[in-house]
C-alpha cells in the first residue's frame, strides 16, 4: 500500500515514511492510493474476532511495510483489557469499545476506556508503539510537534512518555481547556514531554504546527513529526472501532446502522467515512458540532467557511472549539474525485482566510451519495441532554457526547439503529456536569487529586518563532 498527498505534488510513500512525517511536503494530507474493499466473506469472518485481532486484520490492509508478525504483536500489545480498563456502565473490558444500550436501537459506544479517558487513546496508544518500533528499527529519533484543543495532547503525551528516541512538544490554548485536561498534561514530569500554552485559540496553535511543518529546512534539521489527526495512522486506527461497533450492534451483516459523531477536526468521522467506503454497512454518518458549526454549515449549504479566531466560540465542549478542520481536506479530496488540482485551488482560498462553496458546482450532486447529515448543539442543549440521558437511562455522559446524542435524537429515523460515539468520560468536564446534575462525576482512583499536582508548562504568544525557539533549545 502506497500513500499520496491530497495536493498531488508528493511522490507516493510507504506507511512507515508517512508515519514519521505527518504532513506531506506539499502541505497536503496523506491518503492511501485506494481504499481496500471488504467483501461479505471477510465481514462474516471478522464478526467473530477479538478487538486486537480485528484491528490487525484492518490495519494490515493499510500497513504493508511492517512484517505481519511484528504488526500483530504491536496491535496485541496496544489493545488489551489492562490498557482499556476504565469501562463504565458494566461494559466488558475485553471488548475494548463496548456498547451501552440506551433503548432499542440506540447505543453509545465507549471509546474512552484508555489511560486518559478520551477516545484519542484508541489511536494514540497504537501510534506510540508504532513510533517506537519504527525509530528503533531505523536507529532514528523524532521530535513530535502537536496542537490540542483538549484530549489529543494528554493522549499523545501518555502514549509517548518514556518512549525511546521521542520528544513531544504539545501546544494548547492557554486557559481554554478544562482544569482536568490541563492537569493531565501539565502535571507530567517526564523529561521527553514539553507543554507549551499559546495565548490564543486551538486554531492559532494548529496554524503554528502547520507553519513549522511546512518549513522544510527546520523540519528536516529538527526531525519534526506529527501525532495530530493529520497523521494518517491516527485515522487508520480509528476505522477499527466503527467495524467493532457495527458488529456489537447487529446480529448479521445484512443490517445497516448509523453513527452519530461529535466532530471538531473531522478526524473521527473521517474514519467512519473511510470505513463506509471500504464496505462497512453504514447507512448514514451523523455529524454533530457545538456552537462552532462550520462543518454543520457545509453539510447543510455546501459552503465551507472557516471562522477567524475572534469568531470562534469558547464552549463547554471545548475539544470541538475548532473552525478549520484539518481532516476535512481528506473528505473533499474524495468528493472531488481525488483531483489534487481542485483541492489545491480550494485550499489556497482557505489558507488565505477565505471560503469555498460546492453548492452550485459539479460536486454538489455527489455529496448525498456519502450519506452525511448534520446538526449543532448549544450549551443549553448540552445541559438538557446530559440531564435527559441521566434521568431516562441512568447514564452520565460528557459534554461532547451530549452534542452527539442531541443531534442523533434530532436526526434519527424510525427503525434505524443509531450508535453515538462516546468521546470522553464525564470527569474530564466536571464543571459542566456539576452545572447540569448538581453532583460530581466519578473518576478512577488513580486520578484523584490530579489537579493539585505540580504543573510544568511554558506560556508563549501565538508566535511561530517562539515555538521554534523552544524546540531548538531542547533539541
Protein backbone atom coordinates (compact mmCIF):
# COMPACT_ATOMS: atom_id res chain seq x y z
CA UNK A 1 0.00 0.00 0.00
CA UNK A 2 1.33 3.42 -1.03
CA UNK A 3 0.15 6.85 0.08
CA UNK A 4 -0.40 10.01 -1.91
CA UNK A 5 -0.95 13.63 -0.95
CA UNK A 6 -4.31 15.38 -1.25
CA UNK A 7 -2.44 18.19 -3.03
CA UNK A 8 -0.73 15.95 -5.56
CA UNK A 9 2.89 17.13 -5.53
CA UNK A 10 4.32 14.44 -3.26
CA UNK A 11 5.80 11.17 -4.51
CA UNK A 12 3.76 8.20 -3.16
CA UNK A 13 5.22 6.97 0.13
CA UNK A 14 5.20 3.85 2.27
CA UNK A 15 3.30 3.72 5.56
CA UNK A 16 6.40 3.93 7.78
CA UNK A 17 7.63 7.02 5.91
CA UNK A 18 4.36 8.91 6.31
CA UNK A 19 4.07 7.72 9.92
CA UNK A 20 7.10 9.77 10.84
CA UNK A 21 6.41 12.69 8.52
CA UNK A 22 2.85 13.80 9.27
CA UNK A 23 2.03 16.42 6.63
CA UNK A 24 3.13 15.81 3.05
CA UNK A 25 5.91 18.11 1.77
CA UNK A 26 3.39 19.98 -0.39
CA UNK A 27 1.23 20.79 2.65
CA UNK A 28 -1.36 18.13 1.85
CA UNK A 29 -2.54 15.17 3.88
CA UNK A 30 -1.77 11.57 3.05
CA UNK A 31 -4.37 9.03 1.99
CA UNK A 32 -3.97 5.52 0.57
CA UNK A 33 -3.90 5.29 -3.22
CA UNK A 34 -7.17 3.36 -2.92
CA UNK A 35 -9.36 2.09 -0.10
CA UNK A 36 -9.30 -1.68 0.46
CA UNK A 37 -12.66 -3.28 -0.30
CA UNK A 38 -14.11 -5.64 2.31
CA UNK A 39 -16.48 -8.27 0.97
CA UNK A 40 -19.19 -10.25 2.72
CA UNK A 41 -16.94 -13.24 3.42
CA UNK A 42 -14.42 -11.10 5.29
CA UNK A 43 -17.16 -9.28 7.20
CA UNK A 44 -18.60 -12.63 8.28
CA UNK A 45 -15.20 -13.84 9.45
CA UNK A 46 -14.35 -10.59 11.23
CA UNK A 47 -17.57 -10.62 13.25
CA UNK A 48 -16.12 -13.34 15.48
CA UNK A 49 -12.76 -11.67 16.20
CA UNK A 50 -11.43 -10.01 19.33
CA UNK A 51 -10.77 -6.27 19.08
CA UNK A 52 -7.00 -6.81 18.74
CA UNK A 53 -7.44 -9.41 16.01
CA UNK A 54 -9.96 -7.21 14.19
CA UNK A 55 -7.53 -4.29 14.42
CA UNK A 56 -4.78 -6.42 12.92
CA UNK A 57 -6.96 -7.53 10.00
CA UNK A 58 -7.97 -3.96 9.17
CA UNK A 59 -4.60 -2.31 9.74
CA UNK A 60 -2.77 -4.97 7.74
CA UNK A 61 -4.72 -3.72 4.71
CA UNK A 62 -3.06 -0.32 5.15
CA UNK A 63 0.34 -1.27 6.62
CA UNK A 64 2.30 -3.48 4.26
CA UNK A 65 5.86 -2.45 5.12
CA UNK A 66 5.92 -3.87 8.67
CA UNK A 67 6.29 -7.67 8.83
CA UNK A 68 2.96 -9.33 9.66
CA UNK A 69 4.21 -10.94 12.86
CA UNK A 70 5.61 -7.64 14.12
CA UNK A 71 2.42 -5.74 13.30
CA UNK A 72 0.31 -8.38 15.01
CA UNK A 73 2.48 -8.12 18.14
CA UNK A 74 2.27 -4.31 18.17
CA UNK A 75 -1.51 -4.40 17.85
CA UNK A 76 -1.85 -7.10 20.53
CA UNK A 77 0.35 -5.04 22.87
CA UNK A 78 -1.86 -1.99 22.31
CA UNK A 79 -5.39 -3.33 22.62
CA UNK A 80 -5.54 -5.19 25.92
CA UNK A 81 -8.12 -5.14 28.68
CA UNK A 82 -5.34 -3.98 31.01
CA UNK A 83 -4.81 -0.80 28.97
CA UNK A 84 -8.52 -0.15 28.33
CA UNK A 85 -9.65 -0.94 31.84
CA UNK A 86 -11.72 2.14 32.70
CA UNK A 87 -15.01 0.71 31.47
CA UNK A 88 -18.25 2.12 32.79
CA UNK A 89 -21.90 1.07 32.67
CA UNK A 90 -20.99 -2.59 33.19
CA UNK A 91 -19.14 -2.78 29.88
CA UNK A 92 -16.90 -5.72 29.04
CA UNK A 93 -13.27 -4.51 29.08
CA UNK A 94 -12.29 -7.34 26.74
CA UNK A 95 -14.45 -5.73 24.04
CA UNK A 96 -12.26 -2.57 24.37
CA UNK A 97 -15.09 -0.38 22.98
CA UNK A 98 -18.28 -1.89 24.47
CA UNK A 99 -21.75 -0.60 23.67
CA UNK A 100 -24.14 0.83 26.23
CA UNK A 101 -27.78 0.34 25.29
CA UNK A 102 -29.93 3.38 26.00
CA UNK A 103 -33.06 1.97 24.37
CA UNK A 104 -33.95 -0.32 21.48
CA UNK A 105 -31.86 0.76 18.51
CA UNK A 106 -29.96 3.49 20.37
CA UNK A 107 -26.48 2.93 21.80
CA UNK A 108 -23.41 4.77 22.92
CA UNK A 109 -20.04 3.20 22.12
CA UNK A 110 -17.46 3.58 24.88
CA UNK A 111 -14.25 4.88 23.32
CA UNK A 112 -12.84 6.47 26.47
CA UNK A 113 -11.65 3.48 28.49
CA UNK A 114 -7.94 4.15 27.93
CA UNK A 115 -5.43 5.85 30.22
CA UNK A 116 -6.54 9.45 29.58
CA UNK A 117 -10.29 8.70 29.49
CA UNK A 118 -10.77 10.04 25.94
CA UNK A 119 -11.31 8.44 22.54
CA UNK A 120 -7.95 9.78 21.36
CA UNK A 121 -6.29 6.93 23.29
CA UNK A 122 -7.74 4.44 20.80
CA UNK A 123 -5.33 5.63 18.11
CA UNK A 124 -2.63 7.30 20.15
CA UNK A 125 -1.62 4.21 22.13
CA UNK A 126 -1.03 2.40 18.86
CA UNK A 127 0.83 5.38 17.45
CA UNK A 128 3.22 5.37 20.42
CA UNK A 129 4.05 1.72 19.86
CA UNK A 130 4.44 2.20 16.10
CA UNK A 131 6.75 5.19 16.56
CA UNK A 132 8.98 3.33 18.99
CA UNK A 133 9.14 0.29 16.70
CA UNK A 134 9.99 2.20 13.52
CA UNK A 135 12.50 4.52 15.19
CA UNK A 136 14.31 1.61 16.84
CA UNK A 137 14.45 -0.27 13.54
CA UNK A 138 15.88 2.77 11.74
CA UNK A 139 18.13 3.97 14.54
CA UNK A 140 16.49 7.40 14.36
CA UNK A 141 14.89 9.90 16.72
CA UNK A 142 11.94 12.27 16.28
CA UNK A 143 10.52 15.42 17.83
CA UNK A 144 6.74 15.42 17.87
CA UNK A 145 5.07 18.80 17.45
CA UNK A 146 1.31 18.83 18.01
CA UNK A 147 -1.63 21.01 18.90
CA UNK A 148 -4.55 20.11 21.12
CA UNK A 149 -7.94 21.55 21.97
CA UNK A 150 -8.12 19.24 24.95
CA UNK A 151 -7.81 15.48 24.63
CA UNK A 152 -5.23 14.92 21.88
CA UNK A 153 -2.47 16.41 23.99
CA UNK A 154 -2.83 14.20 27.03
CA UNK A 155 -3.43 11.11 24.88
CA UNK A 156 -0.25 11.82 22.89
CA UNK A 157 1.83 12.52 25.97
CA UNK A 158 0.64 9.41 27.81
CA UNK A 159 1.32 7.34 24.70
CA UNK A 160 4.82 8.77 24.13
CA UNK A 161 6.10 9.26 27.69
CA UNK A 162 9.23 7.23 28.19
CA UNK A 163 9.34 6.04 24.57
CA UNK A 164 12.79 5.62 23.04
CA UNK A 165 14.06 8.43 20.83
CA UNK A 166 10.89 10.55 21.06
CA UNK A 167 10.32 14.07 22.42
CA UNK A 168 6.87 15.68 22.46
CA UNK A 169 6.20 19.41 22.15
CA UNK A 170 2.47 19.92 22.65
CA UNK A 171 0.76 23.27 22.04
CA UNK A 172 -2.56 24.07 23.75
CA UNK A 173 -4.69 27.23 24.01
CA UNK A 174 -3.80 28.94 27.28
CA UNK A 175 -6.67 28.71 29.78
CA UNK A 176 -9.16 27.26 27.28
CA UNK A 177 -9.21 23.61 28.40
CA UNK A 178 -10.93 22.14 31.45
CA UNK A 179 -8.97 22.00 34.72
CA UNK A 180 -8.80 18.20 34.48
CA UNK A 181 -7.48 18.32 30.90
CA UNK A 182 -4.79 20.84 31.86
CA UNK A 183 -3.78 18.76 34.86
CA UNK A 184 -3.46 15.58 32.82
CA UNK A 185 -0.98 17.27 30.50
CA UNK A 186 0.86 19.80 32.61
CA UNK A 187 1.42 17.51 35.61
CA UNK A 188 3.58 15.12 33.60
CA UNK A 189 7.21 15.45 34.63
CA UNK A 190 8.75 13.08 32.07
CA UNK A 191 11.89 14.61 30.56
CA UNK A 192 10.75 13.93 26.98
CA UNK A 193 7.45 15.86 27.40
CA UNK A 194 7.20 19.65 26.86
CA UNK A 195 3.93 21.57 27.24
CA UNK A 196 3.54 24.95 25.51
CA UNK A 197 0.45 27.08 26.21
CA UNK A 198 -0.33 29.53 23.39
CA UNK A 199 -2.14 32.79 24.16
CA UNK A 200 -4.95 32.25 21.68
CA UNK A 201 -7.28 29.52 20.49
CA UNK A 202 -6.74 26.00 19.20
CA UNK A 203 -6.74 27.24 15.62
CA UNK A 204 -3.79 29.52 16.46
CA UNK A 205 -1.89 26.56 17.88
CA UNK A 206 -2.80 24.37 14.90
CA UNK A 207 -1.67 27.09 12.48
CA UNK A 208 1.72 27.21 14.22
CA UNK A 209 2.12 23.44 13.90
CA UNK A 210 1.30 23.62 10.20
CA UNK A 211 3.67 26.54 9.65
CA UNK A 212 6.55 24.71 11.33
CA UNK A 213 5.73 21.51 9.42
CA UNK A 214 5.77 23.48 6.16
CA UNK A 215 9.25 24.87 6.90
CA UNK A 216 11.13 22.06 5.16
CA UNK A 217 14.58 23.10 6.40
CA UNK A 218 13.53 23.41 10.06
CA UNK A 219 11.50 20.21 9.87
CA UNK A 220 14.46 18.27 8.48
CA UNK A 221 17.02 19.75 10.88
CA UNK A 222 14.97 19.01 14.00
CA UNK A 223 13.28 15.86 12.72
CA UNK A 224 9.75 17.18 13.29
CA UNK A 225 6.89 14.66 13.23
CA UNK A 226 3.18 14.85 13.98
CA UNK A 227 0.64 12.99 16.10
CA UNK A 228 -2.35 15.22 15.38
CA UNK A 229 -5.05 13.64 13.25
CA UNK A 230 -3.21 15.00 10.21
CA UNK A 231 -1.15 11.83 10.77
CA UNK A 232 -2.78 9.09 8.69
CA UNK A 233 -2.02 6.39 11.28
CA UNK A 234 -4.42 8.10 13.69
CA UNK A 235 -7.28 7.88 11.21
CA UNK A 236 -6.44 4.30 10.24
CA UNK A 237 -6.58 3.15 13.86
CA UNK A 238 -9.96 4.82 14.33
CA UNK A 239 -11.51 2.88 11.45
CA UNK A 240 -11.38 -0.24 13.62
CA UNK A 241 -13.95 0.81 16.19
CA UNK A 242 -16.55 1.52 13.52
CA UNK A 243 -16.35 -2.13 12.50
CA UNK A 244 -16.42 -3.23 16.14
CA UNK A 245 -19.42 -1.02 16.94
CA UNK A 246 -21.28 -2.35 13.92
CA UNK A 247 -20.66 -5.97 14.90
CA UNK A 248 -21.75 -5.39 18.51
CA UNK A 249 -24.97 -3.59 17.49
CA UNK A 250 -26.12 -6.06 14.82
CA UNK A 251 -26.80 -9.75 14.50
CA UNK A 252 -25.87 -10.16 10.84
CA UNK A 253 -24.05 -8.31 8.11
CA UNK A 254 -27.35 -7.79 6.26
CA UNK A 255 -28.18 -4.95 8.67
CA UNK A 256 -27.23 -1.29 8.43
CA UNK A 257 -26.51 1.23 11.18
CA UNK A 258 -25.96 4.95 11.58
CA UNK A 259 -23.18 6.56 13.61
CA UNK A 260 -23.51 9.94 15.32
CA UNK A 261 -20.09 11.51 15.78
CA UNK A 262 -19.15 14.67 17.75
CA UNK A 263 -16.90 16.45 15.26
CA UNK A 264 -14.27 19.16 15.61
CA UNK A 265 -11.24 18.41 13.44
CA UNK A 266 -13.14 15.87 11.29
CA UNK A 267 -10.69 13.04 12.06
CA UNK A 268 -13.11 10.84 13.99
CA UNK A 269 -15.89 10.97 11.41
CA UNK A 270 -13.37 10.80 8.55
CA UNK A 271 -12.52 7.31 9.83
CA UNK A 272 -16.22 6.45 9.58
CA UNK A 273 -16.35 7.81 6.04
CA UNK A 274 -13.42 5.56 5.09
CA UNK A 275 -14.97 2.52 6.84
CA UNK A 276 -18.11 3.12 4.76
CA UNK A 277 -16.02 3.43 1.57
CA UNK A 278 -14.40 0.11 2.45
CA UNK A 279 -17.79 -1.60 2.53
CA UNK A 280 -18.98 -1.43 6.14
CA UNK A 281 -22.82 -1.22 6.01
CA UNK A 282 -23.17 2.32 7.36
CA UNK A 283 -26.45 3.86 6.23
CA UNK A 284 -25.69 7.37 7.47
CA UNK A 285 -22.99 9.37 9.22
CA UNK A 286 -24.47 11.98 11.55
CA UNK A 287 -22.05 14.85 12.16
CA UNK A 288 -22.59 16.77 15.41
CA UNK A 289 -20.94 20.12 16.14
CA UNK A 290 -21.19 22.56 19.01
CA UNK A 291 -21.71 26.30 18.55
CA UNK A 292 -18.71 26.31 16.19
CA UNK A 293 -20.82 24.93 13.36
CA UNK A 294 -18.53 25.30 10.34
CA UNK A 295 -18.92 21.62 9.39
CA UNK A 296 -22.65 21.59 10.00
CA UNK A 297 -22.95 24.64 7.76
CA UNK A 298 -21.08 22.85 4.97
CA UNK A 299 -23.27 19.75 5.00
CA UNK A 300 -26.40 21.90 5.09
CA UNK A 301 -25.39 24.50 2.49
CA UNK A 302 -22.31 23.33 0.59
CA UNK A 303 -20.32 26.31 1.88
CA UNK A 304 -17.10 25.76 3.85
CA UNK A 305 -16.48 28.98 5.75
CA UNK A 306 -13.83 28.73 8.48
CA UNK A 307 -14.18 31.39 11.15
CA UNK A 308 -11.48 33.69 12.46
CA UNK A 309 -10.17 33.28 16.00
CA UNK A 310 -12.34 36.22 17.04
CA UNK A 311 -15.43 34.45 15.68
CA UNK A 312 -14.71 31.10 17.32
CA UNK A 313 -16.75 30.48 20.46
CA UNK A 314 -15.32 29.12 23.71
CA UNK A 315 -17.81 26.45 24.75
CA UNK A 316 -18.49 23.76 27.32
CA UNK A 317 -17.44 21.12 24.74
CA UNK A 318 -14.01 22.71 24.23
CA UNK A 319 -12.38 19.91 22.28
CA UNK A 320 -14.63 20.93 19.37
CA UNK A 321 -13.86 24.65 19.54
CA UNK A 322 -12.30 24.45 16.10
CA UNK A 323 -13.13 26.39 12.95
CA UNK A 324 -10.58 24.92 10.50
CA UNK A 325 -10.98 21.16 10.42
CA UNK A 326 -7.72 19.70 9.13
CA UNK A 327 -9.09 16.30 8.14
CA UNK A 328 -11.89 17.85 6.11
CA UNK A 329 -9.37 18.13 3.27
CA UNK A 330 -9.28 14.33 3.08
CA UNK A 331 -13.04 14.16 2.57
CA UNK A 332 -13.04 16.92 -0.03
CA UNK A 333 -10.28 15.06 -1.91
CA UNK A 334 -12.64 12.09 -2.23
CA UNK A 335 -15.64 14.30 -3.01
CA UNK A 336 -13.91 15.97 -5.97
CA UNK A 337 -12.88 12.63 -7.45
CA UNK A 338 -9.37 12.73 -5.97
CA UNK A 339 -8.42 15.64 -8.20
CA UNK A 340 -5.49 17.22 -6.33
CA UNK A 341 -5.53 20.32 -8.54
CA UNK A 342 -9.03 21.16 -7.34
CA UNK A 343 -8.02 20.60 -3.71
CA UNK A 344 -5.04 22.92 -4.14
CA UNK A 345 -7.30 25.56 -5.63
CA UNK A 346 -9.86 25.29 -2.80
CA UNK A 347 -7.28 25.33 -0.03
CA UNK A 348 -5.49 28.33 -1.47
CA UNK A 349 -8.70 30.16 -0.62
CA UNK A 350 -8.89 28.63 2.87
CA UNK A 351 -5.22 29.29 3.64
CA UNK A 352 -5.72 32.91 2.58
CA UNK A 353 -8.53 33.29 5.11
CA UNK A 354 -11.36 32.75 2.65
CA UNK A 355 -14.00 30.11 2.00
CA UNK A 356 -15.35 28.00 -0.82
CA UNK A 357 -18.69 26.65 -1.99
CA UNK A 358 -19.65 23.50 -3.86
CA UNK A 359 -23.35 24.38 -3.75
CA UNK A 360 -23.60 25.41 -7.39
CA UNK A 361 -20.75 23.32 -8.79
CA UNK A 362 -20.49 19.84 -10.29
CA UNK A 363 -19.74 18.19 -6.94
CA UNK A 364 -22.96 19.16 -5.18
CA UNK A 365 -24.74 16.20 -6.78
CA UNK A 366 -22.11 13.82 -5.36
CA UNK A 367 -22.50 14.93 -1.76
CA UNK A 368 -25.70 12.97 -0.95
CA UNK A 369 -24.03 9.72 -2.00
CA UNK A 370 -21.73 9.97 1.03
CA UNK A 371 -24.79 9.93 3.34
CA UNK A 372 -23.79 12.69 5.75
CA UNK A 373 -26.36 14.57 7.79
CA UNK A 374 -25.51 17.12 10.45
CA UNK A 375 -26.67 19.33 13.28
CA UNK A 376 -25.34 21.57 16.03
CA UNK A 377 -25.76 21.89 19.77
CA UNK A 378 -25.63 24.79 22.23
CA UNK A 379 -24.68 24.99 25.90
CA UNK A 380 -28.35 24.87 26.86
CA UNK A 381 -28.85 21.83 24.60
CA UNK A 382 -25.85 20.19 26.21
CA UNK A 383 -27.14 20.64 29.74
CA UNK A 384 -30.62 19.44 28.76
CA UNK A 385 -29.23 16.34 27.02
CA UNK A 386 -26.98 15.41 29.95
CA UNK A 387 -30.00 15.72 32.27
CA UNK A 388 -32.29 13.75 29.95
CA UNK A 389 -29.85 10.87 29.45
CA UNK A 390 -29.26 10.70 33.21
CA UNK A 391 -32.99 10.82 34.04
CA UNK A 392 -34.21 8.42 31.32
CA UNK A 393 -31.35 5.93 31.14
CA UNK A 394 -29.30 6.38 34.32
CA UNK A 395 -26.19 7.10 32.24
CA UNK A 396 -23.85 10.03 32.73
CA UNK A 397 -22.30 11.41 29.54
CA UNK A 398 -19.71 14.09 28.89
CA UNK A 399 -20.39 17.35 27.09
CA UNK A 400 -19.14 16.29 23.64
CA UNK A 401 -21.04 13.01 23.74
CA UNK A 402 -24.09 15.07 24.70
CA UNK A 403 -23.70 17.01 21.45
CA UNK A 404 -23.65 13.67 19.61
CA UNK A 405 -26.74 12.40 21.43
CA UNK A 406 -28.66 15.64 20.88
CA UNK A 407 -28.06 15.62 17.12
CA UNK A 408 -28.67 11.86 16.92
CA UNK A 409 -32.08 12.32 18.53
CA UNK A 410 -32.80 15.16 16.13
CA UNK A 411 -31.79 13.19 13.01
CA UNK A 412 -32.86 9.68 13.96
CA UNK A 413 -35.19 7.82 11.58
CA UNK A 414 -37.76 5.37 13.00
CA UNK A 415 -36.43 1.83 12.97
CA UNK A 416 -32.82 2.94 12.48
CA UNK A 417 -30.05 1.55 14.68
CA UNK A 418 -28.03 4.55 15.88
CA UNK A 419 -24.64 4.36 17.60
CA UNK A 420 -23.38 7.55 19.26
CA UNK A 421 -19.60 7.59 19.63
CA UNK A 422 -18.71 8.49 23.20
CA UNK A 423 -15.68 10.75 23.18
CA UNK A 424 -14.66 11.18 26.83
CA UNK A 425 -15.61 10.29 30.37
CA UNK A 426 -17.65 12.92 32.25
CA UNK A 427 -14.92 13.65 34.81
CA UNK A 428 -12.93 15.46 32.13
CA UNK A 429 -15.64 18.15 32.12
CA UNK A 430 -16.74 18.05 35.73
CA UNK A 431 -17.64 21.74 35.86
CA UNK A 432 -20.41 21.35 33.28
CA UNK A 433 -21.59 18.01 34.70
CA UNK A 434 -21.92 19.74 38.07
CA UNK A 435 -23.92 22.52 36.43
CA UNK A 436 -26.22 20.02 34.73
CA UNK A 437 -26.72 17.47 37.50
CA UNK A 438 -25.62 19.16 40.70
CA UNK A 439 -23.14 16.40 41.50
CA UNK A 440 -19.59 15.42 40.63
CA UNK A 441 -18.84 12.62 38.17
CA UNK A 442 -16.86 9.62 39.32
CA UNK A 443 -13.19 9.31 38.42
CA UNK A 444 -10.72 6.42 38.52
CA UNK A 445 -8.96 6.23 41.87
CA UNK A 446 -5.51 6.77 40.33
CA UNK A 447 -6.62 10.18 39.03
CA UNK A 448 -7.91 11.51 42.34
CA UNK A 449 -6.38 14.90 43.14
CA UNK A 450 -4.60 15.24 39.79
CA UNK A 451 -5.46 18.96 39.68
CA UNK A 452 -3.34 19.50 42.80
CA UNK A 453 -0.13 18.06 41.35
CA UNK A 454 2.73 20.42 40.35
CA UNK A 455 2.38 21.57 36.75
CA UNK A 456 5.05 22.28 34.15
CA UNK A 457 4.15 24.46 31.17
CA UNK A 458 5.68 27.34 29.19
CA UNK A 459 3.31 30.14 28.07
CA UNK A 460 4.10 31.88 24.76
CA UNK A 461 2.46 34.25 22.29
CA UNK A 462 0.85 32.80 19.15
CA UNK A 463 4.26 33.01 17.50
CA UNK A 464 5.87 30.50 15.16
CA UNK A 465 9.32 31.85 16.04
CA UNK A 466 8.80 31.44 19.79
CA UNK A 467 7.74 27.82 19.33
CA UNK A 468 10.67 27.13 17.02
CA UNK A 469 12.98 28.58 19.64
CA UNK A 470 11.65 26.21 22.31
CA UNK A 471 12.08 23.21 20.04
CA UNK A 472 15.62 24.23 19.11
CA UNK A 473 16.53 24.89 22.72
CA UNK A 474 15.52 21.41 23.87
CA UNK A 475 16.87 19.51 20.87
